[in-house]
Amino acid sequence: MKLLENKVAIVTGASRGIGEAIAIRFAEEGAHVAFTYLSSDEKAKALEQKLQAMGVKAKAYKSNAGVFEETEALVNDVLKEFGTIDICVNNAGISKDNLLLRMSPDQWDDVMNINLKSVYNMTKHVIRPMMKAKTGSIINMSSIIGMKGNAGQSSYAASKAGIIGFTKSIAAELGSRNIRVNAVAPGFVETDMTHYLKDGDGAKTYMEKIPLGRFGSPEDIANVCVFLASGMSNYVTGQVISACGGLNM
């Protein structure tokens, strides 16, 4: 029996990187996957076909998780197409790093909308079918930066720290309905968004801080999400799991 057999999952921001790895791992474990994207129609279609070839139902939705009305329409469409929603992974995220003195209000707002407001938007809509079913797992993608902070990343750190507070609060609200809410805090993971970490002299400095001695892979994070989405974590809620190679010690 696969860990997520016939479960229905929504994964936001899944056309590449960590989100793509989560969608693939969920499908490998038997979940039907609805996923969102914004940038590349070609990549989204390729992932949709890859998931379908694995024997599960899969559909790509072009939807901005930072816009309340779009998330409402998305959840309604997924419910019509898939019938229910068992798992929601709030993964959509961006970074617009800058020193505070140089950061524009628009840069700040963009990061807050995509990273933090999106989690509010999606969670608010998916909890209705989950409450009706009296079960569900919501997984919010935070970051080690939301726990430690980092110079030049005040907007990103604030958005990811906000996700942690939101996660714990909603876990307390929904525990009596058997809906679990947890966060994952990745460390340095090799994706398109973090390619700069491996370039130049700075890479060695980053690596020396990681006890496991390597950057993470998207699959490392996806495996944690499989655990949190499955019955293996039935007694886990309101937690932040740091998948960072020991960086936060």
C-alpha atoms as a PDB file:
ATOM      1  CA  MET A   1       0.000   0.000   0.000  1.00  0.00           C
ATOM      2  CA  LYS A   2       1.386   3.367  -1.013  1.00  0.00           C
ATOM      3  CA  LEU A   3       1.539   6.055   1.674  1.00  0.00           C
ATOM      4  CA  LEU A   4      -0.805   8.485  -0.121  1.00  0.00           C
ATOM      5  CA  GLU A   5      -2.972   6.034  -2.065  1.00  0.00           C
ATOM      6  CA  ASN A   6      -5.943   7.883  -3.670  1.00  0.00           C
ATOM      7  CA  LYS A   7      -5.405  11.038  -1.615  1.00  0.00           C
ATOM      8  CA  VAL A   8      -5.944  14.352  -3.422  1.00  0.00           C
ATOM      9  CA  ALA A   9      -3.230  16.976  -2.999  1.00  0.00           C
ATOM     10  CA  ILE A  10      -2.850  20.590  -4.057  1.00  0.00           C
ATOM     11  CA  VAL A  11       0.729  21.828  -4.418  1.00  0.00           C
ATOM     12  CA  THR A  12       1.272  25.519  -5.190  1.00  0.00           C
ATOM     13  CA  GLY A  13       4.245  26.711  -7.205  1.00  0.00           C
ATOM     14  CA  ALA A  14       5.069  23.249  -8.526  1.00  0.00           C
ATOM     15  CA  SER A  15       6.381  23.696 -12.059  1.00  0.00           C
ATOM     16  CA  ARG A  16      10.000  23.562 -10.839  1.00  0.00           C
ATOM     17  CA  GLY A  17      12.299  23.101  -7.858  1.00  0.00           C
ATOM     18  CA  ILE A  18      10.950  21.920  -4.519  1.00  0.00           C
ATOM     19  CA  GLY A  19       7.315  22.095  -5.639  1.00  0.00           C
ATOM     20  CA  GLU A  20       7.969  19.869  -8.637  1.00  0.00           C
ATOM     21  CA  ALA A  21       9.792  17.332  -6.463  1.00  0.00           C
ATOM     22  CA  ILE A  22       6.871  17.281  -4.009  1.00  0.00           C
ATOM     23  CA  ALA A  23       4.344  16.701  -6.800  1.00  0.00           C
ATOM     24  CA  ILE A  24       6.419  13.809  -8.180  1.00  0.00           C
ATOM     25  CA  ARG A  25       6.970  12.162  -4.776  1.00  0.00           C
ATOM     26  CA  PHE A  26       3.273  12.471  -3.936  1.00  0.00           C
ATOM     27  CA  ALA A  27       2.367  10.805  -7.237  1.00  0.00           C
ATOM     28  CA  GLU A  28       4.896   8.043  -6.567  1.00  0.00           C
ATOM     29  CA  GLU A  29       3.067   7.407  -3.297  1.00  0.00           C
ATOM     30  CA  GLY A  30      -0.298   7.185  -5.073  1.00  0.00           C
ATOM     31  CA  ALA A  31      -1.706  10.709  -4.631  1.00  0.00           C
ATOM     32  CA  HIS A  32      -3.727  12.525  -7.282  1.00  0.00           C
ATOM     33  CA  VAL A  33      -2.108  15.933  -7.755  1.00  0.00           C
ATOM     34  CA  ALA A  34      -3.487  19.356  -8.650  1.00  0.00           C
ATOM     35  CA  PHE A  35      -0.683  21.885  -8.899  1.00  0.00           C
ATOM     36  CA  THR A  36      -0.330  25.565  -9.665  1.00  0.00           C
ATOM     37  CA  TYR A  37       2.240  27.516 -11.640  1.00  0.00           C
ATOM     38  CA  LEU A  38       2.731  31.011 -13.015  1.00  0.00           C
ATOM     39  CA  SER A  39       5.755  31.107 -15.283  1.00  0.00           C
ATOM     40  CA  SER A  40       6.095  28.341 -17.866  1.00  0.00           C
ATOM     41  CA  ASP A  41       3.143  26.674 -19.604  1.00  0.00           C
ATOM     42  CA  GLU A  42       5.597  24.259 -21.209  1.00  0.00           C
ATOM     43  CA  LYS A  43       7.106  23.082 -17.899  1.00  0.00           C
ATOM     44  CA  ALA A  44       3.668  22.774 -16.311  1.00  0.00           C
ATOM     45  CA  LYS A  45       2.357  20.648 -19.194  1.00  0.00           C
ATOM     46  CA  ALA A  46       5.438  18.432 -19.053  1.00  0.00           C
ATOM     47  CA  LEU A  47       4.982  17.843 -15.322  1.00  0.00           C
ATOM     48  CA  GLU A  48       1.260  17.180 -15.764  1.00  0.00           C
ATOM     49  CA  GLN A  49       2.024  14.508 -18.363  1.00  0.00           C
ATOM     50  CA  LYS A  50       4.796  13.007 -16.226  1.00  0.00           C
ATOM     51  CA  LEU A  51       2.462  12.634 -13.251  1.00  0.00           C
ATOM     52  CA  GLN A  52      -0.321  11.160 -15.375  1.00  0.00           C
ATOM     53  CA  ALA A  53       2.129   8.611 -16.782  1.00  0.00           C
ATOM     54  CA  MET A  54       2.659   7.438 -13.197  1.00  0.00           C
ATOM     55  CA  GLY A  55      -0.957   6.287 -13.076  1.00  0.00           C
ATOM     56  CA  VAL A  56      -2.518   9.095 -11.052  1.00  0.00           C
ATOM     57  CA  LYS A  57      -4.858  11.931 -11.922  1.00  0.00           C
ATOM     58  CA  ALA A  58      -2.993  15.208 -12.353  1.00  0.00           C
ATOM     59  CA  LYS A  59      -3.841  18.676 -13.572  1.00  0.00           C
ATOM     60  CA  ALA A  60      -1.945  21.953 -13.856  1.00  0.00           C
ATOM     61  CA  TYR A  61      -3.663  25.231 -12.992  1.00  0.00           C
ATOM     62  CA  LYS A  62      -2.255  28.641 -13.906  1.00  0.00           C
ATOM     63  CA  SER A  63      -3.089  30.500 -10.715  1.00  0.00           C
ATOM     64  CA  ASN A  64      -1.467  33.140  -8.511  1.00  0.00           C
ATOM     65  CA  ALA A  65      -1.620  31.968  -4.897  1.00  0.00           C
ATOM     66  CA  GLY A  66      -1.059  35.559  -3.755  1.00  0.00           C
ATOM     67  CA  VAL A  67      -4.451  36.661  -5.149  1.00  0.00           C
ATOM     68  CA  PHE A  68      -7.435  35.750  -2.953  1.00  0.00           C
ATOM     69  CA  GLU A  69      -9.972  35.473  -5.788  1.00  0.00           C
ATOM     70  CA  GLU A  70      -7.710  33.228  -7.844  1.00  0.00           C
ATOM     71  CA  THR A  71      -7.190  30.818  -4.947  1.00  0.00           C
ATOM     72  CA  GLU A  72     -10.936  30.675  -4.338  1.00  0.00           C
ATOM     73  CA  ALA A  73     -11.555  29.794  -7.986  1.00  0.00           C
ATOM     74  CA  LEU A  74      -8.707  27.268  -7.908  1.00  0.00           C
ATOM     75  CA  VAL A  75     -10.047  25.373  -4.898  1.00  0.00           C
ATOM     76  CA  ASN A  76     -13.561  25.312  -6.372  1.00  0.00           C
ATOM     77  CA  ASP A  77     -12.179  23.962  -9.666  1.00  0.00           C
ATOM     78  CA  VAL A  78     -10.123  21.281  -7.905  1.00  0.00           C
ATOM     79  CA  LEU A  79     -13.142  20.170  -5.876  1.00  0.00           C
ATOM     80  CA  LYS A  80     -15.204  19.849  -9.063  1.00  0.00           C
ATOM     81  CA  GLU A  81     -12.440  17.953 -10.874  1.00  0.00           C
ATOM     82  CA  PHE A  82     -11.065  15.760  -8.066  1.00  0.00           C
ATOM     83  CA  GLY A  83     -13.999  15.576  -5.646  1.00  0.00           C
ATOM     84  CA  THR A  84     -12.116  16.392  -2.456  1.00  0.00           C
ATOM     85  CA  ILE A  85      -8.883  17.866  -1.049  1.00  0.00           C
ATOM     86  CA  ASP A  86      -6.925  15.827   1.496  1.00  0.00           C
ATOM     87  CA  ILE A  87      -3.558  17.607   1.398  1.00  0.00           C
ATOM     88  CA  CYS A  88      -2.486  21.177   0.683  1.00  0.00           C
ATOM     89  CA  VAL A  89       1.172  22.142   0.290  1.00  0.00           C
ATOM     90  CA  ASN A  90       1.663  25.901   0.346  1.00  0.00           C
ATOM     91  CA  ASN A  91       4.958  26.021  -1.499  1.00  0.00           C
ATOM     92  CA  ALA A  92       4.691  29.074  -3.789  1.00  0.00           C
ATOM     93  CA  GLY A  93       7.447  31.533  -2.982  1.00  0.00           C
ATOM     94  CA  ILE A  94       9.819  34.199  -4.284  1.00  0.00           C
ATOM     95  CA  SER A  95      12.733  36.219  -2.974  1.00  0.00           C
ATOM     96  CA  LYS A  96      13.661  39.810  -3.810  1.00  0.00           C
ATOM     97  CA  ASP A  97      16.721  40.236  -1.636  1.00  0.00           C
ATOM     98  CA  ASN A  98      17.985  43.706  -0.865  1.00  0.00           C
ATOM     99  CA  LEU A  99      19.300  45.725   2.022  1.00  0.00           C
ATOM    100  CA  LEU A 100      16.460  47.493   3.810  1.00  0.00           C
ATOM    101  CA  LEU A 101      17.805  50.929   2.829  1.00  0.00           C
ATOM    102  CA  ARG A 102      17.424  49.977  -0.829  1.00  0.00           C
ATOM    103  CA  MET A 103      14.242  47.914  -0.612  1.00  0.00           C
ATOM    104  CA  SER A 104      11.203  49.456  -2.297  1.00  0.00           C
ATOM    105  CA  PRO A 105       7.667  49.114  -0.911  1.00  0.00           C
ATOM    106  CA  ASP A 106       6.729  47.164  -4.047  1.00  0.00           C
ATOM    107  CA  GLN A 107       9.540  44.665  -3.480  1.00  0.00           C
ATOM    108  CA  TRP A 108       8.392  44.173   0.121  1.00  0.00           C
ATOM    109  CA  ASP A 109       4.737  43.766  -0.880  1.00  0.00           C
ATOM    110  CA  ASP A 110       5.501  41.283  -3.664  1.00  0.00           C
ATOM    111  CA  VAL A 111       7.366  38.980  -1.274  1.00  0.00           C
ATOM    112  CA  MET A 112       4.658  39.247   1.391  1.00  0.00           C
ATOM    113  CA  ASN A 113       1.857  38.522  -1.087  1.00  0.00           C
ATOM    114  CA  ILE A 114       3.458  35.507  -2.740  1.00  0.00           C
ATOM    115  CA  ASN A 115       5.102  34.012   0.345  1.00  0.00           C
ATOM    116  CA  LEU A 116       2.760  34.825   3.234  1.00  0.00           C
ATOM    117  CA  LYS A 117      -0.600  36.059   2.002  1.00  0.00           C
ATOM    118  CA  SER A 118      -0.738  33.041  -0.317  1.00  0.00           C
ATOM    119  CA  VAL A 119      -0.676  30.737   2.720  1.00  0.00           C
ATOM    120  CA  TYR A 120      -3.642  32.599   4.230  1.00  0.00           C
ATOM    121  CA  ASN A 121      -5.495  32.526   0.891  1.00  0.00           C
ATOM    122  CA  MET A 122      -5.047  28.823   0.232  1.00  0.00           C
ATOM    123  CA  THR A 123      -5.574  27.671   3.811  1.00  0.00           C
ATOM    124  CA  LYS A 124      -8.779  29.662   4.192  1.00  0.00           C
ATOM    125  CA  HIS A 125     -10.283  27.939   1.160  1.00  0.00           C
ATOM    126  CA  VAL A 126      -9.061  24.357   1.621  1.00  0.00           C
ATOM    127  CA  ILE A 127     -10.144  24.038   5.257  1.00  0.00           C
ATOM    128  CA  ARG A 128     -13.829  24.023   4.304  1.00  0.00           C
ATOM    129  CA  PRO A 129     -13.764  20.640   2.523  1.00  0.00           C
ATOM    130  CA  MET A 130     -11.276  19.348   5.105  1.00  0.00           C
ATOM    131  CA  MET A 131     -13.555  20.323   7.992  1.00  0.00           C
ATOM    132  CA  LYS A 132     -16.453  18.613   6.252  1.00  0.00           C
ATOM    133  CA  ALA A 133     -14.358  15.438   5.853  1.00  0.00           C
ATOM    134  CA  LYS A 134     -12.965  15.788   9.403  1.00  0.00           C
ATOM    135  CA  THR A 135      -9.450  15.137   8.136  1.00  0.00           C
ATOM    136  CA  GLY A 136      -6.652  16.879   6.286  1.00  0.00           C
ATOM    137  CA  SER A 137      -2.991  17.829   6.234  1.00  0.00           C
ATOM    138  CA  ILE A 138      -1.732  21.324   5.454  1.00  0.00           C
ATOM    139  CA  ILE A 139       2.013  21.756   4.895  1.00  0.00           C
ATOM    140  CA  ASN A 140       3.466  25.267   4.756  1.00  0.00           C
ATOM    141  CA  MET A 141       6.892  25.928   3.282  1.00  0.00           C
ATOM    142  CA  SER A 142       8.877  28.163   5.609  1.00  0.00           C
ATOM    143  CA  SER A 143      12.681  28.477   5.640  1.00  0.00           C
ATOM    144  CA  ILE A 144      15.683  28.352   7.914  1.00  0.00           C
ATOM    145  CA  ILE A 145      15.939  32.090   7.128  1.00  0.00           C
ATOM    146  CA  GLY A 146      12.586  32.585   8.843  1.00  0.00           C
ATOM    147  CA  MET A 147      14.129  31.119  12.016  1.00  0.00           C
ATOM    148  CA  LYS A 148      17.608  32.679  11.888  1.00  0.00           C
ATOM    149  CA  GLY A 149      17.213  35.824   9.796  1.00  0.00           C
ATOM    150  CA  ASN A 150      19.822  36.909   7.269  1.00  0.00           C
ATOM    151  CA  ALA A 151      21.259  40.267   6.259  1.00  0.00           C
ATOM    152  CA  GLY A 152      19.769  41.435   2.970  1.00  0.00           C
ATOM    153  CA  GLN A 153      16.765  39.149   3.303  1.00  0.00           C
ATOM    154  CA  SER A 154      14.504  41.004   5.721  1.00  0.00           C
ATOM    155  CA  SER A 155      11.385  40.641   3.553  1.00  0.00           C
ATOM    156  CA  TYR A 156      11.985  36.960   2.862  1.00  0.00           C
ATOM    157  CA  ALA A 157      12.799  36.263   6.533  1.00  0.00           C
ATOM    158  CA  ALA A 158       9.728  38.157   7.746  1.00  0.00           C
ATOM    159  CA  SER A 159       7.437  36.297   5.341  1.00  0.00           C
ATOM    160  CA  LYS A 160       8.842  32.893   6.314  1.00  0.00           C
ATOM    161  CA  ALA A 161       8.744  33.703  10.037  1.00  0.00           C
ATOM    162  CA  GLY A 162       5.128  34.771   9.583  1.00  0.00           C
ATOM    163  CA  ILE A 163       4.358  31.359   8.096  1.00  0.00           C
ATOM    164  CA  ILE A 164       5.616  29.697  11.289  1.00  0.00           C
ATOM    165  CA  GLY A 165       3.343  31.799  13.507  1.00  0.00           C
ATOM    166  CA  PHE A 166       0.411  31.218  11.165  1.00  0.00           C
ATOM    167  CA  THR A 167       1.049  27.458  11.121  1.00  0.00           C
ATOM    168  CA  LYS A 168       1.034  27.122  14.899  1.00  0.00           C
ATOM    169  CA  SER A 169      -2.098  29.259  15.261  1.00  0.00           C
ATOM    170  CA  ILE A 170      -4.116  27.391  12.629  1.00  0.00           C
ATOM    171  CA  ALA A 171      -2.950  24.036  14.033  1.00  0.00           C
ATOM    172  CA  ALA A 172      -4.465  25.089  17.361  1.00  0.00           C
ATOM    173  CA  GLU A 173      -7.703  26.175  15.662  1.00  0.00           C
ATOM    174  CA  LEU A 174      -8.168  23.038  13.580  1.00  0.00           C
ATOM    175  CA  GLY A 175      -6.808  20.266  15.795  1.00  0.00           C
ATOM    176  CA  SER A 176     -10.273  19.372  17.093  1.00  0.00           C
ATOM    177  CA  ARG A 177     -11.356  18.795  13.470  1.00  0.00           C
ATOM    178  CA  ASN A 178      -8.516  16.314  12.894  1.00  0.00           C
ATOM    179  CA  ILE A 179      -6.797  18.708  10.483  1.00  0.00           C
ATOM    180  CA  ARG A 180      -3.039  18.827  10.946  1.00  0.00           C
ATOM    181  CA  VAL A 181      -0.990  21.912  10.061  1.00  0.00           C
ATOM    182  CA  ASN A 182       2.795  21.813   9.963  1.00  0.00           C
ATOM    183  CA  ALA A 183       5.673  23.759   8.444  1.00  0.00           C
ATOM    184  CA  VAL A 184       8.878  22.663   6.756  1.00  0.00           C
ATOM    185  CA  ALA A 185      11.944  24.898   7.043  1.00  0.00           C
ATOM    186  CA  PRO A 186      14.455  23.999   4.325  1.00  0.00           C
ATOM    187  CA  GLY A 187      18.068  25.094   4.572  1.00  0.00           C
ATOM    188  CA  PHE A 188      20.202  25.653   1.485  1.00  0.00           C
ATOM    189  CA  VAL A 189      18.560  23.594  -1.268  1.00  0.00           C
ATOM    190  CA  GLU A 190      19.828  23.389  -4.834  1.00  0.00           C
ATOM    191  CA  THR A 191      17.115  25.003  -6.981  1.00  0.00           C
ATOM    192  CA  ASP A 192      16.834  27.717  -9.637  1.00  0.00           C
ATOM    193  CA  MET A 193      16.137  30.202  -6.843  1.00  0.00           C
ATOM    194  CA  THR A 194      19.342  29.420  -4.929  1.00  0.00           C
ATOM    195  CA  HIS A 195      21.838  28.687  -7.719  1.00  0.00           C
ATOM    196  CA  TYR A 196      23.901  31.699  -6.658  1.00  0.00           C
ATOM    197  CA  LEU A 197      24.821  29.937  -3.393  1.00  0.00           C
ATOM    198  CA  LYS A 198      27.092  27.537  -5.284  1.00  0.00           C
ATOM    199  CA  ASP A 199      28.818  30.215  -7.353  1.00  0.00           C
ATOM    200  CA  GLY A 200      32.041  31.933  -6.314  1.00  0.00           C
ATOM    201  CA  ASP A 201      33.926  31.963  -3.043  1.00  0.00           C
ATOM    202  CA  GLY A 202      30.772  32.154  -0.927  1.00  0.00           C
ATOM    203  CA  ALA A 203      29.830  28.530  -1.621  1.00  0.00           C
ATOM    204  CA  LYS A 204      32.608  27.153   0.584  1.00  0.00           C
ATOM    205  CA  THR A 205      31.559  29.435   3.428  1.00  0.00           C
ATOM    206  CA  TYR A 206      27.966  28.211   3.250  1.00  0.00           C
ATOM    207  CA  MET A 207      29.034  24.576   3.028  1.00  0.00           C
ATOM    208  CA  GLU A 208      31.262  24.822   6.110  1.00  0.00           C
ATOM    209  CA  LYS A 209      28.234  25.796   8.198  1.00  0.00           C
ATOM    210  CA  ILE A 210      26.275  22.643   7.288  1.00  0.00           C
ATOM    211  CA  PRO A 211      27.118  19.665   9.551  1.00  0.00           C
ATOM    212  CA  LEU A 212      26.049  17.141   6.874  1.00  0.00           C
ATOM    213  CA  GLY A 213      28.483  18.806   4.483  1.00  0.00           C
ATOM    214  CA  ARG A 214      26.215  19.249   1.467  1.00  0.00           C
ATOM    215  CA  PHE A 215      23.402  21.349   0.107  1.00  0.00           C
ATOM    216  CA  GLY A 216      19.961  19.770   0.209  1.00  0.00           C
ATOM    217  CA  SER A 217      18.095  18.469  -2.819  1.00  0.00           C
ATOM    218  CA  PRO A 218      14.446  19.157  -3.647  1.00  0.00           C
ATOM    219  CA  GLU A 219      13.835  15.435  -3.054  1.00  0.00           C
ATOM    220  CA  ASP A 220      15.115  15.785   0.526  1.00  0.00           C
ATOM    221  CA  ILE A 221      12.363  18.320   1.200  1.00  0.00           C
ATOM    222  CA  ALA A 222       9.761  16.321  -0.723  1.00  0.00           C
ATOM    223  CA  ASN A 223      10.401  13.287   1.484  1.00  0.00           C
ATOM    224  CA  VAL A 224       9.645  15.328   4.604  1.00  0.00           C
ATOM    225  CA  CYS A 225       6.404  16.461   2.971  1.00  0.00           C
ATOM    226  CA  VAL A 226       5.433  12.849   2.216  1.00  0.00           C
ATOM    227  CA  PHE A 227       5.841  12.081   5.923  1.00  0.00           C
ATOM    228  CA  LEU A 228       3.710  15.073   6.958  1.00  0.00           C
ATOM    229  CA  ALA A 229       1.039  14.313   4.347  1.00  0.00           C
ATOM    230  CA  SER A 230       0.734  10.643   5.248  1.00  0.00           C
ATOM    231  CA  GLY A 231      -0.698   8.690   8.164  1.00  0.00           C
ATOM    232  CA  MET A 232       2.841   8.248   9.484  1.00  0.00           C
ATOM    233  CA  SER A 233       2.511  11.715  11.052  1.00  0.00           C
ATOM    234  CA  ASN A 234      -1.037  11.379  12.418  1.00  0.00           C
ATOM    235  CA  TYR A 235       0.039  12.700  15.834  1.00  0.00           C
ATOM    236  CA  VAL A 236       2.144  15.593  14.486  1.00  0.00           C
ATOM    237  CA  THR A 237       0.676  19.097  14.242  1.00  0.00           C
ATOM    238  CA  GLY A 238       1.811  22.655  14.841  1.00  0.00           C
ATOM    239  CA  GLN A 239       5.434  21.691  14.270  1.00  0.00           C
ATOM    240  CA  VAL A 240       8.291  23.155  12.249  1.00  0.00           C
ATOM    241  CA  ILE A 241      10.570  20.503  10.773  1.00  0.00           C
ATOM    242  CA  SER A 242      13.956  21.921   9.809  1.00  0.00           C
ATOM    243  CA  ALA A 243      15.325  20.077   6.789  1.00  0.00           C
ATOM    244  CA  CYS A 244      18.627  21.906   6.745  1.00  0.00           C
ATOM    245  CA  GLY A 245      21.445  19.413   7.220  1.00  0.00           C
ATOM    246  CA  GLY A 246      21.865  20.576  10.805  1.00  0.00           C
ATOM    247  CA  LEU A 247      22.428  24.228   9.894  1.00  0.00           C
ATOM    248  CA  ASN A 248      20.101  25.465  12.647  1.00  0.00           C
ATOM    249  CA  MET A 249      21.983  23.847  15.534  1.00  0.00           C
END
